[in-house]
PDB file of all heavy atoms in Angstrom:
ATOM      1  N   TYR A   1      51.850 172.370 141.519  1.00  0.00           N
ATOM      2  CA  TYR A   1      51.175 171.076 141.671  1.00  0.00           C
ATOM      3  C   TYR A   1      50.352 171.048 142.957  1.00  0.00           C
ATOM      4  O   TYR A   1      49.225 170.570 142.983  1.00  0.00           O
ATOM      5  CB  TYR A   1      52.185 169.931 141.723  1.00  0.00           C
ATOM      6  CG  TYR A   1      52.946 169.664 140.452  1.00  0.00           C
ATOM      7  CD1 TYR A   1      54.236 169.167 140.500  1.00  0.00           C
ATOM      8  CD2 TYR A   1      52.381 169.875 139.205  1.00  0.00           C
ATOM      9  CE1 TYR A   1      54.949 168.900 139.345  1.00  0.00           C
ATOM     10  CE2 TYR A   1      53.085 169.607 138.049  1.00  0.00           C
ATOM     11  CZ  TYR A   1      54.371 169.121 138.123  1.00  0.00           C
ATOM     12  OH  TYR A   1      55.061 168.849 136.979  1.00  0.00           O
ATOM     13  N   SER A   2      50.941 171.550 144.028  1.00  0.00           N
ATOM     14  CA  SER A   2      50.260 171.541 145.320  1.00  0.00           C
ATOM     15  C   SER A   2      48.959 172.329 145.272  1.00  0.00           C
ATOM     16  O   SER A   2      47.937 171.894 145.823  1.00  0.00           O
ATOM     17  CB  SER A   2      51.161 172.133 146.405  1.00  0.00           C
ATOM     18  OG  SER A   2      52.285 171.328 146.596  1.00  0.00           O
ATOM     19  N   LYS A   3      48.964 173.467 144.615  1.00  0.00           N
ATOM     20  CA  LYS A   3      47.754 174.287 144.532  1.00  0.00           C
ATOM     21  C   LYS A   3      46.645 173.571 143.771  1.00  0.00           C
ATOM     22  O   LYS A   3      45.480 173.601 144.180  1.00  0.00           O
ATOM     23  CB  LYS A   3      48.066 175.631 143.891  1.00  0.00           C
ATOM     24  CG  LYS A   3      48.875 176.524 144.799  1.00  0.00           C
ATOM     25  CD  LYS A   3      49.195 177.843 144.163  1.00  0.00           C
ATOM     26  CE  LYS A   3      50.013 178.683 145.133  1.00  0.00           C
ATOM     27  NZ  LYS A   3      50.284 180.020 144.621  1.00  0.00           N
ATOM     28  N   ILE A   4      46.993 172.927 142.675  1.00  0.00           N
ATOM     29  CA  ILE A   4      45.977 172.213 141.899  1.00  0.00           C
ATOM     30  C   ILE A   4      45.440 171.024 142.692  1.00  0.00           C
ATOM     31  O   ILE A   4      44.236 170.776 142.723  1.00  0.00           O
ATOM     32  CB  ILE A   4      46.515 171.774 140.527  1.00  0.00           C
ATOM     33  CG1 ILE A   4      46.694 173.004 139.645  1.00  0.00           C
ATOM     34  CG2 ILE A   4      45.578 170.778 139.858  1.00  0.00           C
ATOM     35  CD1 ILE A   4      47.163 172.726 138.246  1.00  0.00           C
ATOM     36  N   VAL A   5      46.308 170.297 143.362  1.00  0.00           N
ATOM     37  CA  VAL A   5      45.870 169.148 144.155  1.00  0.00           C
ATOM     38  C   VAL A   5      44.970 169.604 145.305  1.00  0.00           C
ATOM     39  O   VAL A   5      43.965 168.959 145.611  1.00  0.00           O
ATOM     40  CB  VAL A   5      47.089 168.340 144.663  1.00  0.00           C
ATOM     41  CG1 VAL A   5      46.681 167.313 145.699  1.00  0.00           C
ATOM     42  CG2 VAL A   5      47.794 167.665 143.490  1.00  0.00           C
ATOM     43  N   VAL A   6      45.280 170.730 145.918  1.00  0.00           N
ATOM     44  CA  VAL A   6      44.434 171.268 146.990  1.00  0.00           C
ATOM     45  C   VAL A   6      43.046 171.608 146.451  1.00  0.00           C
ATOM     46  O   VAL A   6      42.031 171.320 147.105  1.00  0.00           O
ATOM     47  CB  VAL A   6      45.098 172.495 147.659  1.00  0.00           C
ATOM     48  CG1 VAL A   6      44.103 173.276 148.506  1.00  0.00           C
ATOM     49  CG2 VAL A   6      46.274 172.067 148.504  1.00  0.00           C
ATOM     50  N   ILE A   7      42.981 172.197 145.266  1.00  0.00           N
ATOM     51  CA  ILE A   7      41.679 172.512 144.667  1.00  0.00           C
ATOM     52  C   ILE A   7      40.869 171.235 144.474  1.00  0.00           C
ATOM     53  O   ILE A   7      39.683 171.173 144.821  1.00  0.00           O
ATOM     54  CB  ILE A   7      41.855 173.269 143.338  1.00  0.00           C
ATOM     55  CG1 ILE A   7      42.407 174.672 143.598  1.00  0.00           C
ATOM     56  CG2 ILE A   7      40.524 173.353 142.579  1.00  0.00           C
ATOM     57  CD1 ILE A   7      42.860 175.408 142.354  1.00  0.00           C
ATOM     58  N   PHE A   8      41.497 170.193 143.927  1.00  0.00           N
ATOM     59  CA  PHE A   8      40.784 168.927 143.749  1.00  0.00           C
ATOM     60  C   PHE A   8      40.367 168.331 145.093  1.00  0.00           C
ATOM     61  O   PHE A   8      39.259 167.798 145.229  1.00  0.00           O
ATOM     62  CB  PHE A   8      41.619 167.921 142.959  1.00  0.00           C
ATOM     63  CG  PHE A   8      41.529 168.111 141.479  1.00  0.00           C
ATOM     64  CD1 PHE A   8      42.612 168.557 140.754  1.00  0.00           C
ATOM     65  CD2 PHE A   8      40.352 167.840 140.797  1.00  0.00           C
ATOM     66  CE1 PHE A   8      42.529 168.741 139.389  1.00  0.00           C
ATOM     67  CE2 PHE A   8      40.255 168.012 139.428  1.00  0.00           C
ATOM     68  CZ  PHE A   8      41.339 168.474 138.722  1.00  0.00           C
ATOM     69  N   ASN A   9      41.228 168.421 146.081  1.00  0.00           N
ATOM     70  CA  ASN A   9      40.881 167.895 147.404  1.00  0.00           C
ATOM     71  C   ASN A   9      39.686 168.620 148.010  1.00  0.00           C
ATOM     72  O   ASN A   9      38.831 167.996 148.655  1.00  0.00           O
ATOM     73  CB  ASN A   9      42.079 167.969 148.351  1.00  0.00           C
ATOM     74  CG  ASN A   9      43.076 166.869 148.109  1.00  0.00           C
ATOM     75  OD1 ASN A   9      42.737 165.829 147.550  1.00  0.00           O
ATOM     76  ND2 ASN A   9      44.311 167.095 148.504  1.00  0.00           N
ATOM     77  N   ILE A  10      39.611 169.932 147.818  1.00  0.00           N
ATOM     78  CA  ILE A  10      38.458 170.691 148.328  1.00  0.00           C
ATOM     79  C   ILE A  10      37.184 170.197 147.662  1.00  0.00           C
ATOM     80  O   ILE A  10      36.167 169.981 148.323  1.00  0.00           O
ATOM     81  CB  ILE A  10      38.664 172.204 148.112  1.00  0.00           C
ATOM     82  CG1 ILE A  10      39.747 172.715 149.062  1.00  0.00           C
ATOM     83  CG2 ILE A  10      37.364 172.969 148.305  1.00  0.00           C
ATOM     84  CD1 ILE A  10      40.209 174.125 148.776  1.00  0.00           C
ATOM     85  N   PHE A  11      37.226 170.010 146.340  1.00  0.00           N
ATOM     86  CA  PHE A  11      36.041 169.535 145.635  1.00  0.00           C
ATOM     87  C   PHE A  11      35.668 168.118 146.051  1.00  0.00           C
ATOM     88  O   PHE A  11      34.495 167.796 146.198  1.00  0.00           O
ATOM     89  CB  PHE A  11      36.236 169.605 144.114  1.00  0.00           C
ATOM     90  CG  PHE A  11      35.956 170.955 143.554  1.00  0.00           C
ATOM     91  CD1 PHE A  11      36.992 171.821 143.249  1.00  0.00           C
ATOM     92  CD2 PHE A  11      34.659 171.365 143.318  1.00  0.00           C
ATOM     93  CE1 PHE A  11      36.733 173.068 142.718  1.00  0.00           C
ATOM     94  CE2 PHE A  11      34.379 172.613 142.786  1.00  0.00           C
ATOM     95  CZ  PHE A  11      35.430 173.468 142.488  1.00  0.00           C
ATOM     96  N   ILE A  12      36.654 167.269 146.227  1.00  0.00           N
ATOM     97  CA  ILE A  12      36.372 165.886 146.616  1.00  0.00           C
ATOM     98  C   ILE A  12      35.796 165.841 148.032  1.00  0.00           C
ATOM     99  O   ILE A  12      34.841 165.124 148.310  1.00  0.00           O
ATOM    100  CB  ILE A  12      37.649 165.026 146.507  1.00  0.00           C
ATOM    101  CG1 ILE A  12      38.011 164.823 145.031  1.00  0.00           C
ATOM    102  CG2 ILE A  12      37.469 163.682 147.202  1.00  0.00           C
ATOM    103  CD1 ILE A  12      39.396 164.244 144.802  1.00  0.00           C
ATOM    104  N   THR A  13      36.376 166.629 148.929  1.00  0.00           N
ATOM    105  CA  THR A  13      35.964 166.595 150.325  1.00  0.00           C
ATOM    106  C   THR A  13      34.656 167.343 150.586  1.00  0.00           C
ATOM    107  O   THR A  13      33.793 166.838 151.307  1.00  0.00           O
ATOM    108  CB  THR A  13      37.071 167.187 151.218  1.00  0.00           C
ATOM    109  OG1 THR A  13      38.297 166.501 150.939  1.00  0.00           O
ATOM    110  CG2 THR A  13      36.734 167.037 152.687  1.00  0.00           C
ATOM    111  N   TYR A  14      34.510 168.518 149.996  1.00  0.00           N
ATOM    112  CA  TYR A  14      33.368 169.371 150.333  1.00  0.00           C
ATOM    113  C   TYR A  14      32.437 169.661 149.153  1.00  0.00           C
ATOM    114  O   TYR A  14      31.476 170.415 149.303  1.00  0.00           O
ATOM    115  CB  TYR A  14      33.849 170.716 150.891  1.00  0.00           C
ATOM    116  CG  TYR A  14      34.723 170.569 152.103  1.00  0.00           C
ATOM    117  CD1 TYR A  14      36.087 170.834 152.037  1.00  0.00           C
ATOM    118  CD2 TYR A  14      34.195 170.143 153.314  1.00  0.00           C
ATOM    119  CE1 TYR A  14      36.900 170.694 153.147  1.00  0.00           C
ATOM    120  CE2 TYR A  14      34.996 170.008 154.429  1.00  0.00           C
ATOM    121  CZ  TYR A  14      36.351 170.277 154.339  1.00  0.00           C
ATOM    122  OH  TYR A  14      37.150 170.136 155.432  1.00  0.00           O
ATOM    123  N   GLY A  15      32.732 169.099 147.982  1.00  0.00           N
ATOM    124  CA  GLY A  15      31.955 169.403 146.793  1.00  0.00           C
ATOM    125  C   GLY A  15      30.480 169.128 146.916  1.00  0.00           C
ATOM    126  O   GLY A  15      29.659 169.841 146.341  1.00  0.00           O
ATOM    127  N   ASP A  16      30.125 168.131 147.692  1.00  0.00           N
ATOM    128  CA  ASP A  16      28.696 167.811 147.833  1.00  0.00           C
ATOM    129  C   ASP A  16      27.921 168.917 148.551  1.00  0.00           C
ATOM    130  O   ASP A  16      26.702 168.973 148.460  1.00  0.00           O
ATOM    131  CB  ASP A  16      28.514 166.479 148.550  1.00  0.00           C
ATOM    132  CG  ASP A  16      29.118 166.443 149.934  1.00  0.00           C
ATOM    133  OD1 ASP A  16      30.089 167.192 150.185  1.00  0.00           O
ATOM    134  OD2 ASP A  16      28.633 165.666 150.769  1.00  0.00           O
ATOM    135  N   THR A  17      28.613 169.822 149.237  1.00  0.00           N
ATOM    136  CA  THR A  17      27.921 170.902 149.937  1.00  0.00           C
ATOM    137  C   THR A  17      27.637 172.112 149.056  1.00  0.00           C
ATOM    138  O   THR A  17      26.721 172.870 149.344  1.00  0.00           O
ATOM    139  CB  THR A  17      28.724 171.373 151.167  1.00  0.00           C
ATOM    140  OG1 THR A  17      29.986 171.873 150.734  1.00  0.00           O
ATOM    141  CG2 THR A  17      28.901 170.247 152.160  1.00  0.00           C
ATOM    142  N   PHE A  18      28.418 172.298 147.982  1.00  0.00           N
ATOM    143  CA  PHE A  18      28.187 173.497 147.175  1.00  0.00           C
ATOM    144  C   PHE A  18      27.985 173.234 145.686  1.00  0.00           C
ATOM    145  O   PHE A  18      27.634 174.154 144.947  1.00  0.00           O
ATOM    146  CB  PHE A  18      29.304 174.532 147.376  1.00  0.00           C
ATOM    147  CG  PHE A  18      30.672 174.053 146.995  1.00  0.00           C
ATOM    148  CD1 PHE A  18      31.127 174.137 145.699  1.00  0.00           C
ATOM    149  CD2 PHE A  18      31.516 173.547 147.963  1.00  0.00           C
ATOM    150  CE1 PHE A  18      32.395 173.710 145.363  1.00  0.00           C
ATOM    151  CE2 PHE A  18      32.785 173.123 147.642  1.00  0.00           C
ATOM    152  CZ  PHE A  18      33.230 173.207 146.334  1.00  0.00           C
ATOM    153  N   LEU A  19      28.220 172.010 145.230  1.00  0.00           N
ATOM    154  CA  LEU A  19      27.925 171.714 143.835  1.00  0.00           C
ATOM    155  C   LEU A  19      26.411 171.611 143.657  1.00  0.00           C
ATOM    156  O   LEU A  19      25.700 171.187 144.575  1.00  0.00           O
ATOM    157  CB  LEU A  19      28.617 170.414 143.401  1.00  0.00           C
ATOM    158  CG  LEU A  19      30.139 170.508 143.296  1.00  0.00           C
ATOM    159  CD1 LEU A  19      30.748 169.146 143.039  1.00  0.00           C
ATOM    160  CD2 LEU A  19      30.565 171.491 142.224  1.00  0.00           C
ATOM    161  N   PRO A  20      25.907 171.999 142.484  1.00  0.00           N
ATOM    162  CA  PRO A  20      24.456 172.105 142.323  1.00  0.00           C
ATOM    163  C   PRO A  20      23.692 170.794 142.346  1.00  0.00           C
ATOM    164  O   PRO A  20      22.503 170.777 142.638  1.00  0.00           O
ATOM    165  CB  PRO A  20      24.302 172.794 140.962  1.00  0.00           C
ATOM    166  CG  PRO A  20      25.556 172.506 140.234  1.00  0.00           C
ATOM    167  CD  PRO A  20      26.617 172.402 141.286  1.00  0.00           C
ATOM    168  N   SER A  21      24.374 169.668 142.048  1.00  0.00           N
ATOM    169  CA  SER A  21      23.647 168.399 141.995  1.00  0.00           C
ATOM    170  C   SER A  21      24.615 167.241 142.226  1.00  0.00           C
ATOM    171  O   SER A  21      25.828 167.390 142.053  1.00  0.00           O
ATOM    172  CB  SER A  21      22.976 168.233 140.628  1.00  0.00           C
ATOM    173  OG  SER A  21      23.959 168.084 139.624  1.00  0.00           O
ATOM    174  N   PRO A  22      24.074 166.094 142.599  1.00  0.00           N
ATOM    175  CA  PRO A  22      24.932 164.909 142.735  1.00  0.00           C
ATOM    176  C   PRO A  22      25.617 164.535 141.414  1.00  0.00           C
ATOM    177  O   PRO A  22      26.718 164.011 141.417  1.00  0.00           O
ATOM    178  CB  PRO A  22      23.968 163.813 143.172  1.00  0.00           C
ATOM    179  CG  PRO A  22      22.821 164.524 143.797  1.00  0.00           C
ATOM    180  CD  PRO A  22      22.707 165.825 143.050  1.00  0.00           C
ATOM    181  N   GLU A  23      24.985 164.860 140.296  1.00  0.00           N
ATOM    182  CA  GLU A  23      25.590 164.561 138.995  1.00  0.00           C
ATOM    183  C   GLU A  23      26.875 165.359 138.789  1.00  0.00           C
ATOM    184  O   GLU A  23      27.834 164.861 138.205  1.00  0.00           O
ATOM    185  CB  GLU A  23      24.601 164.852 137.857  1.00  0.00           C
ATOM    186  CG  GLU A  23      23.436 163.899 137.788  1.00  0.00           C
ATOM    187  CD  GLU A  23      22.329 164.230 138.789  1.00  0.00           C
ATOM    188  OE1 GLU A  23      22.249 165.396 139.270  1.00  0.00           O
ATOM    189  OE2 GLU A  23      21.559 163.330 139.114  1.00  0.00           O
ATOM    190  N   SER A  24      26.898 166.588 139.273  1.00  0.00           N
ATOM    191  CA  SER A  24      28.109 167.408 139.176  1.00  0.00           C
ATOM    192  C   SER A  24      29.250 166.765 139.943  1.00  0.00           C
ATOM    193  O   SER A  24      30.397 166.755 139.494  1.00  0.00           O
ATOM    194  CB  SER A  24      27.859 168.811 139.722  1.00  0.00           C
ATOM    195  OG  SER A  24      26.894 169.483 138.989  1.00  0.00           O
ATOM    196  N   TYR A  25      28.931 166.240 141.106  1.00  0.00           N
ATOM    197  CA  TYR A  25      29.923 165.552 141.932  1.00  0.00           C
ATOM    198  C   TYR A  25      30.401 164.287 141.219  1.00  0.00           C
ATOM    199  O   TYR A  25      31.592 163.975 141.209  1.00  0.00           O
ATOM    200  CB  TYR A  25      29.278 165.233 143.276  1.00  0.00           C
ATOM    201  CG  TYR A  25      30.228 164.927 144.395  1.00  0.00           C
ATOM    202  CD1 TYR A  25      31.123 165.872 144.861  1.00  0.00           C
ATOM    203  CD2 TYR A  25      30.204 163.689 145.015  1.00  0.00           C
ATOM    204  CE1 TYR A  25      31.976 165.598 145.899  1.00  0.00           C
ATOM    205  CE2 TYR A  25      31.063 163.400 146.069  1.00  0.00           C
ATOM    206  CZ  TYR A  25      31.940 164.358 146.502  1.00  0.00           C
ATOM    207  OH  TYR A  25      32.792 164.077 147.537  1.00  0.00           O
ATOM    208  N   ASP A  26      29.474 163.576 140.589  1.00  0.00           N
ATOM    209  CA  ASP A  26      29.829 162.369 139.847  1.00  0.00           C
ATOM    210  C   ASP A  26      30.735 162.683 138.667  1.00  0.00           C
ATOM    211  O   ASP A  26      31.673 161.940 138.367  1.00  0.00           O
ATOM    212  CB  ASP A  26      28.581 161.654 139.341  1.00  0.00           C
ATOM    213  CG  ASP A  26      27.749 161.061 140.456  1.00  0.00           C
ATOM    214  OD1 ASP A  26      28.287 160.894 141.579  1.00  0.00           O
ATOM    215  OD2 ASP A  26      26.562 160.766 140.216  1.00  0.00           O
ATOM    216  N   TYR A  27      30.488 163.814 137.988  1.00  0.00           N
ATOM    217  CA  TYR A  27      31.335 164.200 136.859  1.00  0.00           C
ATOM    218  C   TYR A  27      32.765 164.489 137.303  1.00  0.00           C
ATOM    219  O   TYR A  27      33.711 164.241 136.566  1.00  0.00           O
ATOM    220  CB  TYR A  27      30.760 165.410 136.137  1.00  0.00           C
ATOM    221  CG  TYR A  27      29.561 165.100 135.276  1.00  0.00           C
ATOM    222  CD1 TYR A  27      28.414 165.861 135.368  1.00  0.00           C
ATOM    223  CD2 TYR A  27      29.585 164.050 134.369  1.00  0.00           C
ATOM    224  CE1 TYR A  27      27.304 165.584 134.586  1.00  0.00           C
ATOM    225  CE2 TYR A  27      28.487 163.762 133.582  1.00  0.00           C
ATOM    226  CZ  TYR A  27      27.359 164.539 133.701  1.00  0.00           C
ATOM    227  OH  TYR A  27      26.258 164.249 132.923  1.00  0.00           O
ATOM    228  N   LEU A  28      32.906 165.029 138.500  1.00  0.00           N
ATOM    229  CA  LEU A  28      34.246 165.264 139.035  1.00  0.00           C
ATOM    230  C   LEU A  28      35.011 163.948 139.112  1.00  0.00           C
ATOM    231  O   LEU A  28      36.135 163.838 138.616  1.00  0.00           O
ATOM    232  CB  LEU A  28      34.169 165.911 140.416  1.00  0.00           C
ATOM    233  CG  LEU A  28      35.471 165.964 141.221  1.00  0.00           C
ATOM    234  CD1 LEU A  28      36.513 166.802 140.517  1.00  0.00           C
ATOM    235  CD2 LEU A  28      35.194 166.492 142.615  1.00  0.00           C
ATOM    236  N   TYR A  29      34.399 162.948 139.720  1.00  0.00           N
ATOM    237  CA  TYR A  29      35.053 161.644 139.828  1.00  0.00           C
ATOM    238  C   TYR A  29      35.283 161.016 138.453  1.00  0.00           C
ATOM    239  O   TYR A  29      36.323 160.414 138.217  1.00  0.00           O
ATOM    240  CB  TYR A  29      34.230 160.704 140.715  1.00  0.00           C
ATOM    241  CG  TYR A  29      34.454 160.972 142.172  1.00  0.00           C
ATOM    242  CD1 TYR A  29      33.561 161.765 142.884  1.00  0.00           C
ATOM    243  CD2 TYR A  29      35.560 160.464 142.829  1.00  0.00           C
ATOM    244  CE1 TYR A  29      33.764 162.028 144.221  1.00  0.00           C
ATOM    245  CE2 TYR A  29      35.770 160.724 144.171  1.00  0.00           C
ATOM    246  CZ  TYR A  29      34.872 161.511 144.859  1.00  0.00           C
ATOM    247  OH  TYR A  29      35.089 161.772 146.179  1.00  0.00           O
ATOM    248  N   TYR A  30      34.325 161.182 137.572  1.00  0.00           N
ATOM    249  CA  TYR A  30      34.473 160.646 136.220  1.00  0.00           C
ATOM    250  C   TYR A  30      35.679 161.277 135.529  1.00  0.00           C
ATOM    251  O   TYR A  30      36.497 160.569 134.928  1.00  0.00           O
ATOM    252  CB  TYR A  30      33.199 160.900 135.401  1.00  0.00           C
ATOM    253  CG  TYR A  30      33.368 160.551 133.955  1.00  0.00           C
ATOM    254  CD1 TYR A  30      33.369 159.219 133.535  1.00  0.00           C
ATOM    255  CD2 TYR A  30      33.547 161.538 133.007  1.00  0.00           C
ATOM    256  CE1 TYR A  30      33.553 158.891 132.203  1.00  0.00           C
ATOM    257  CE2 TYR A  30      33.731 161.226 131.670  1.00  0.00           C
ATOM    258  CZ  TYR A  30      33.727 159.900 131.276  1.00  0.00           C
ATOM    259  OH  TYR A  30      33.913 159.589 129.953  1.00  0.00           O
ATOM    260  N   ASP A  31      35.822 162.601 135.605  1.00  0.00           N
ATOM    261  CA  ASP A  31      36.940 163.264 134.952  1.00  0.00           C
ATOM    262  C   ASP A  31      38.274 162.872 135.576  1.00  0.00           C
ATOM    263  O   ASP A  31      39.270 162.703 134.877  1.00  0.00           O
ATOM    264  CB  ASP A  31      36.769 164.782 134.999  1.00  0.00           C
ATOM    265  CG  ASP A  31      35.799 165.284 133.956  1.00  0.00           C
ATOM    266  OD1 ASP A  31      35.481 164.521 133.021  1.00  0.00           O
ATOM    267  OD2 ASP A  31      35.362 166.445 134.067  1.00  0.00           O
ATOM    268  N   ILE A  32      38.302 162.718 136.885  1.00  0.00           N
ATOM    269  CA  ILE A  32      39.544 162.293 137.539  1.00  0.00           C
ATOM    270  C   ILE A  32      39.928 160.888 137.086  1.00  0.00           C
ATOM    271  O   ILE A  32      41.087 160.615 136.771  1.00  0.00           O
ATOM    272  CB  ILE A  32      39.411 162.374 139.074  1.00  0.00           C
ATOM    273  CG1 ILE A  32      39.362 163.841 139.508  1.00  0.00           C
ATOM    274  CG2 ILE A  32      40.567 161.642 139.762  1.00  0.00           C
ATOM    275  CD1 ILE A  32      39.056 164.045 140.966  1.00  0.00           C
ATOM    276  N   MET A  33      38.963 159.992 137.033  1.00  0.00           N
ATOM    277  CA  MET A  33      39.261 158.625 136.603  1.00  0.00           C
ATOM    278  C   MET A  33      39.598 158.564 135.110  1.00  0.00           C
ATOM    279  O   MET A  33      40.481 157.826 134.693  1.00  0.00           O
ATOM    280  CB  MET A  33      38.081 157.703 136.911  1.00  0.00           C
ATOM    281  CG  MET A  33      37.833 157.518 138.394  1.00  0.00           C
ATOM    282  SD  MET A  33      39.307 157.019 139.318  1.00  0.00           S
ATOM    283  CE  MET A  33      39.644 155.445 138.580  1.00  0.00           C
ATOM    284  N   ARG A  34      38.900 159.364 134.317  1.00  0.00           N
ATOM    285  CA  ARG A  34      39.143 159.378 132.871  1.00  0.00           C
ATOM    286  C   ARG A  34      40.553 159.878 132.562  1.00  0.00           C
ATOM    287  O   ARG A  34      41.208 159.383 131.663  1.00  0.00           O
ATOM    288  CB  ARG A  34      38.102 160.282 132.195  1.00  0.00           C
ATOM    289  CG  ARG A  34      38.200 160.358 130.700  1.00  0.00           C
ATOM    290  CD  ARG A  34      37.083 161.204 130.123  1.00  0.00           C
ATOM    291  NE  ARG A  34      37.095 162.566 130.604  1.00  0.00           N
ATOM    292  CZ  ARG A  34      37.797 163.560 130.051  1.00  0.00           C
ATOM    293  NH1 ARG A  34      38.527 163.322 128.988  1.00  0.00           N
ATOM    294  NH2 ARG A  34      37.752 164.772 130.545  1.00  0.00           N
ATOM    295  N   MET A  35      41.030 160.823 133.343  1.00  0.00           N
ATOM    296  CA  MET A  35      42.343 161.409 133.103  1.00  0.00           C
ATOM    297  C   MET A  35      43.362 160.961 134.152  1.00  0.00           C
ATOM    298  O   MET A  35      44.323 161.657 134.432  1.00  0.00           O
ATOM    299  CB  MET A  35      42.223 162.940 133.101  1.00  0.00           C
ATOM    300  CG  MET A  35      41.323 163.488 132.017  1.00  0.00           C
ATOM    301  SD  MET A  35      41.911 163.102 130.353  1.00  0.00           S
ATOM    302  CE  MET A  35      43.336 164.152 130.268  1.00  0.00           C
ATOM    303  N   ARG A  36      43.171 159.783 134.693  1.00  0.00           N
ATOM    304  CA  ARG A  36      44.052 159.336 135.774  1.00  0.00           C
ATOM    305  C   ARG A  36      45.503 159.213 135.351  1.00  0.00           C
ATOM    306  O   ARG A  36      46.405 159.290 136.169  1.00  0.00           O
ATOM    307  CB  ARG A  36      43.549 158.040 136.379  1.00  0.00           C
ATOM    308  CG  ARG A  36      43.893 156.783 135.632  1.00  0.00           C
ATOM    309  CD  ARG A  36      43.413 155.602 136.430  1.00  0.00           C
ATOM    310  NE  ARG A  36      44.526 154.964 137.072  1.00  0.00           N
ATOM    311  CZ  ARG A  36      44.952 153.744 136.785  1.00  0.00           C
ATOM    312  NH1 ARG A  36      44.332 153.028 135.900  1.00  0.00           N
ATOM    313  NH2 ARG A  36      45.982 153.237 137.416  1.00  0.00           N
ATOM    314  N   GLN A  37      45.767 159.056 134.049  1.00  0.00           N
ATOM    315  CA  GLN A  37      47.139 158.964 133.565  1.00  0.00           C
ATOM    316  C   GLN A  37      47.925 160.237 133.899  1.00  0.00           C
ATOM    317  O   GLN A  37      49.108 160.173 134.222  1.00  0.00           O
ATOM    318  CB  GLN A  37      47.154 158.713 132.051  1.00  0.00           C
ATOM    319  CG  GLN A  37      48.532 158.473 131.494  1.00  0.00           C
ATOM    320  CD  GLN A  37      49.169 157.215 132.033  1.00  0.00           C
ATOM    321  OE1 GLN A  37      48.507 156.205 132.186  1.00  0.00           O
ATOM    322  NE2 GLN A  37      50.452 157.275 132.328  1.00  0.00           N
ATOM    323  N   VAL A  38      47.263 161.362 133.864  1.00  0.00           N
ATOM    324  CA  VAL A  38      47.913 162.632 134.219  1.00  0.00           C
ATOM    325  C   VAL A  38      48.356 162.598 135.675  1.00  0.00           C
ATOM    326  O   VAL A  38      49.488 162.971 136.006  1.00  0.00           O
ATOM    327  CB  VAL A  38      46.958 163.822 133.967  1.00  0.00           C
ATOM    328  CG1 VAL A  38      47.569 165.121 134.470  1.00  0.00           C
ATOM    329  CG2 VAL A  38      46.593 163.923 132.498  1.00  0.00           C
ATOM    330  N   PHE A  39      47.488 162.124 136.550  1.00  0.00           N
ATOM    331  CA  PHE A  39      47.828 162.046 137.970  1.00  0.00           C
ATOM    332  C   PHE A  39      48.875 160.972 138.230  1.00  0.00           C
ATOM    333  O   PHE A  39      49.748 161.139 139.083  1.00  0.00           O
ATOM    334  CB  PHE A  39      46.559 161.809 138.795  1.00  0.00           C
ATOM    335  CG  PHE A  39      45.588 162.941 138.706  1.00  0.00           C
ATOM    336  CD1 PHE A  39      44.508 162.873 137.831  1.00  0.00           C
ATOM    337  CD2 PHE A  39      45.749 164.075 139.464  1.00  0.00           C
ATOM    338  CE1 PHE A  39      43.614 163.923 137.735  1.00  0.00           C
ATOM    339  CE2 PHE A  39      44.869 165.136 139.384  1.00  0.00           C
ATOM    340  CZ  PHE A  39      43.796 165.059 138.505  1.00  0.00           C
ATOM    341  N   ASP A  40      48.823 159.868 137.485  1.00  0.00           N
ATOM    342  CA  ASP A  40      49.850 158.838 137.607  1.00  0.00           C
ATOM    343  C   ASP A  40      51.212 159.386 137.189  1.00  0.00           C
ATOM    344  O   ASP A  40      52.224 159.101 137.832  1.00  0.00           O
ATOM    345  CB  ASP A  40      49.501 157.616 136.757  1.00  0.00           C
ATOM    346  CG  ASP A  40      48.347 156.816 137.310  1.00  0.00           C
ATOM    347  OD1 ASP A  40      47.991 156.996 138.494  1.00  0.00           O
ATOM    348  OD2 ASP A  40      47.776 155.993 136.550  1.00  0.00           O
ATOM    349  N   ASN A  41      51.234 160.176 136.122  1.00  0.00           N
ATOM    350  CA  ASN A  41      52.493 160.784 135.677  1.00  0.00           C
ATOM    351  C   ASN A  41      53.038 161.747 136.720  1.00  0.00           C
ATOM    352  O   ASN A  41      54.245 161.808 136.939  1.00  0.00           O
ATOM    353  CB  ASN A  41      52.300 161.511 134.347  1.00  0.00           C
ATOM    354  CG  ASN A  41      52.088 160.569 133.198  1.00  0.00           C
ATOM    355  OD1 ASN A  41      52.379 159.382 133.275  1.00  0.00           O
ATOM    356  ND2 ASN A  41      51.555 161.090 132.110  1.00  0.00           N
ATOM    357  N   LEU A  42      52.160 162.486 137.345  1.00  0.00           N
ATOM    358  CA  LEU A  42      52.582 163.393 138.409  1.00  0.00           C
ATOM    359  C   LEU A  42      53.190 162.613 139.565  1.00  0.00           C
ATOM    360  O   LEU A  42      54.242 162.968 140.085  1.00  0.00           O
ATOM    361  CB  LEU A  42      51.394 164.223 138.898  1.00  0.00           C
ATOM    362  CG  LEU A  42      51.657 165.185 140.047  1.00  0.00           C
ATOM    363  CD1 LEU A  42      52.663 166.244 139.642  1.00  0.00           C
ATOM    364  CD2 LEU A  42      50.352 165.814 140.484  1.00  0.00           C
ATOM    365  N   LEU A  43      52.577 161.526 139.938  1.00  0.00           N
ATOM    366  CA  LEU A  43      53.093 160.692 141.017  1.00  0.00           C
ATOM    367  C   LEU A  43      54.450 160.103 140.646  1.00  0.00           C
ATOM    368  O   LEU A  43      55.367 160.071 141.459  1.00  0.00           O
ATOM    369  CB  LEU A  43      52.104 159.578 141.335  1.00  0.00           C
ATOM    370  CG  LEU A  43      52.495 158.614 142.442  1.00  0.00           C
ATOM    371  CD1 LEU A  43      52.637 159.350 143.769  1.00  0.00           C
ATOM    372  CD2 LEU A  43      51.484 157.504 142.549  1.00  0.00           C
ATOM    373  N   THR A  44      54.603 159.671 139.416  1.00  0.00           N
ATOM    374  CA  THR A  44      55.867 159.097 138.944  1.00  0.00           C
ATOM    375  C   THR A  44      56.980 160.131 139.007  1.00  0.00           C
ATOM    376  O   THR A  44      58.109 159.821 139.403  1.00  0.00           O
ATOM    377  CB  THR A  44      55.717 158.572 137.502  1.00  0.00           C
ATOM    378  OG1 THR A  44      54.678 157.608 137.482  1.00  0.00           O
ATOM    379  CG2 THR A  44      56.998 157.939 137.013  1.00  0.00           C
TER     380      THR A  44
END
């Protein structure tokens, strides 16, 4: 779990520096929000 969360944190924190476009960064947030139930279950 820690490794996957670290990967997401890297993308959230630094993704704007290496992702090809702002839309790519937006899709990251969209996918996280769309699948937030998975993260809620992990927290539970």
